[in-house]
Each structure stands twice: as structure tokens, then as C-alpha cells.
Amino acid sequence: MTDRLEPLIRFHPFTRLNALLDGIKPGGPVMALSVGEPQGAPPAFLAEVLEREKKDWSRYPLTVGSPEFRASVGDWLNRRFHLPAGMIDRDLDILPAAGSKEALFHAALAAVPEWNGGARPGVVMPNPFYHVYAGSAAVAGAEPLFLPANRANGFLPEPDLIPGQDLPRVAMAYVCSPSNPQGAVASREYLARWLGHARRHNYTLVVDECYAEIYRGEPPTGVLEVAEGRLDNLLSIHSLSKRSSAPGLRSGFVVGERKLIKRMTQLCNYGGAAISFPALAASAALWRDEAHVELNRERYRQCFAIAEQIIGKRFGFYQPPGGFFLWLDVGDGEAAAKKLWSEAGIKVLPGGYMARPDASGVNPGQPYIRVALVHEPAQVEEALGRLVKALDRSSATTAASVAAQ
């Protein structure tokens, strides 16, 4: 019998990173730039709301959340994406989620049909990708179908790249904008192409928009803006972890096709984590406030300006329009990660751990490292200085070795 959970264990990026660095002593003050965990302080009113609502810690939460939470999300969606009146029913089209990870996972369980010996369902995703996409596909019994997301296509794979022989069995596709790890932002036309393709071929498009409020220029287009006032074949997922620097709150939501929202609600009733009433009240307050989000964006702008100043033209550096990651071409991501840990105490994620080999056997993430600029600007400046020093020293050593030969 095939163990469909085995790949989840074997390919989990942070399990692999821990194994890679196991037994290696950090060569400097430890700085974790490997995980997309915002380290900035959330707004002070978050703690105030939790304290005010503390009486409700004694109540079992409801999967569907509270009317106040759903109203705050509905108002935010209408305000942020300029939706047509009546497009979203707050009570039937919105479901709270314990962070975007859980919503992405349950989406596959809701949208992928049972495999009964015929053609195995397929779940399309970019390559490189967020590991939950492949994990949820495997648990749902589907085969992950990887589309290249590289510099040639602006790190945003096109639906027309889905092989024709696989298209009839595609049950779902994940699209991420701004993308993880490259920070690419999808255009209105791009999202419309994907949603139109999903509707023509009758699969569910799941758009991971958890980085949508972290950007340097214009606000990224949301998929709801191109949905033509309807939600069929569509799920959109948002989170407060990145937007509000509140990953520990474990709060987000999914909005989309009503039958899928209903199915995800039932899945959560059986095996999900409903958000507590105090956390729902705090979440509603966060969705209604934009001042702290702009402060958050400004902090990331400062971090990227520091990165550009320190890194310069090294390692294929570019300022991504969205997200908070650097995607640096260092030649060998694993070797660089070990060197940075052993010589500088800096932990980064090898890009190859976020990708799978393509048809030619090449892992498109292998040359890269992902660097999360999630700390305060002064800490980012100090850490990137150490990073560049260690990698420059490595490059100089390699160059000297080649010259000696």
C-alpha cells in the first residue's frame, strides 16, 4: 500500500533544514531569516481587545465565527477590492480560518474528489511553491502537478502550461500573489486568465493572497476584482499573520464558492480549529484598522532599501513588488545555508527545499536561498551585513581555487 503521507515527512522544508544544520555550531549570534514569521509588534489595541473579551475564553468557539467578524471581513473585502454590491454574502460566503495554512489545506480536502481507481485527480501548483500546497494535495489523494515559476515567466506560471493530457483530471490549482518565495505580483489580466481557465475546465482556483497587504508600489489586484461578481470555481484566502504581524493569533479567512465554503465548514466541524471568541473580536478590530498596516508596509520598505544598499548587484538581487522575502541566486542553496549557519549564525532556507525537479531532472530552486526580512530594520541591516560578508568570502575562496588550477 502506498503511504501518501511519506512525501510530506520526507520533503518538509524545515525538517530538511534542521537535518542539514544538525550538529553544526552557529558561527555567530543566531538570526533566523528562514521562516516567514513577522517579528514586528502588532498594534497595541490587539492586546486590549483580548483583555476586554477575556470572559469568552470559557466558551467553545463556533466554526462559522461571529457576526461581528464576518461583517468586518465583508466590509474590508468591499473596501479593499471595490466589489459590486451584494457580491459577498457575509453569512454564507465567508469562513474564518485558523491562519491561511489551515484554509489552504482544507480547501484541497473540500475541492478534490475521491480517487476511486480511475484517473487520479491532479492539483496544479507553481514550482517553487509553499509546501502546504503539495502536502494538502497528497492528503487529498491527488497528484501534485508542477508548473515552472521562473524568471522567464516573471515567477508566475500560466494555466496554458498545464499539459493537455492532464487537464481533464485537474481538480484544483493553487496560485499565490504576491508569490512565495519570489514576491511576484499578479496582474489583473493574469488572474482573469487563471479564473477563466478554471471555469472553462471546471476546476477550483485557490488564490493564496496572504501577502496581499505587503507591497512596495500599487496595491496588488485581488482575484475577487476579476470574478465578474460571482464566486463559482473560486476560493480566496487571506490572513492576519502577515498583514498585522499577528501570526500567533492564528486568524484568517476564506471567501468563495458557497458549496465549498459549506463543505469546508463541515470539515472544520470534524477536524478543524475554530477561532476563539476573544481572537475573533481582536481579528475584527484588526480588519477594520488600516493605520497599523501602513506602518507595517513602511517597515518592510525600509528593510528592502537596506537590502538593496548592502547586497547591491550580488546574487541576482531585485526588489520584489510584494511580500517580504529575498530570493537570492547563490549558486548552491544548500551549501550557502550551511556556510551562513556555520560562519555567521544566520539561518536561511535553501531554495531547492521549496521545489521539485522538473522533467529534465533539474530542481529550479537549487541555486537559491530564501531570506525572510521579518525583523526590525536595524536587525536586518546587521544580519545582511554578516550574510554578504560570509558569501563574499566564499566567492573569493572559490575564485582563488579556480585560479590556482
Foldseek 3Di string as FASTA:
>chain_A
DDDLCVCVCVLVQVNVLCVLQPPFAFAAPADEQADQQFPDDFDPVLVVLLVVPVVQVPPAAAFQGDPLLLVLVVVLCCVVQVADPPLFDSRQFKTKFLFQLRVLLLLLLLFADADDPDDAAEEEEEFLADSSNCNSCSVSRHHYDYFYQDVVVQRFGAPVPPDPVNLLRYAEYEGEACGPPARAADALVRLLRVVVSCVVNVHAYEYEDQFQLAFDDDRGHDSSNNPVSHFPSYKYKYGCRLQRSCSVLSIIMIGGDRSSSVSSSVVCVPPNGHHGNSSSSSSSVVSNDCPSSVVSNVQLVLLVVLLCVQQPPAQVWDDRRIDFKTKGQLQAQSVLQNQCRNNPNYHWGQQLSSGAQDPVRDRVRGRIIIGGSNDGNVVSNVSSNSSCVRSVVVVVVVVVVVVVD
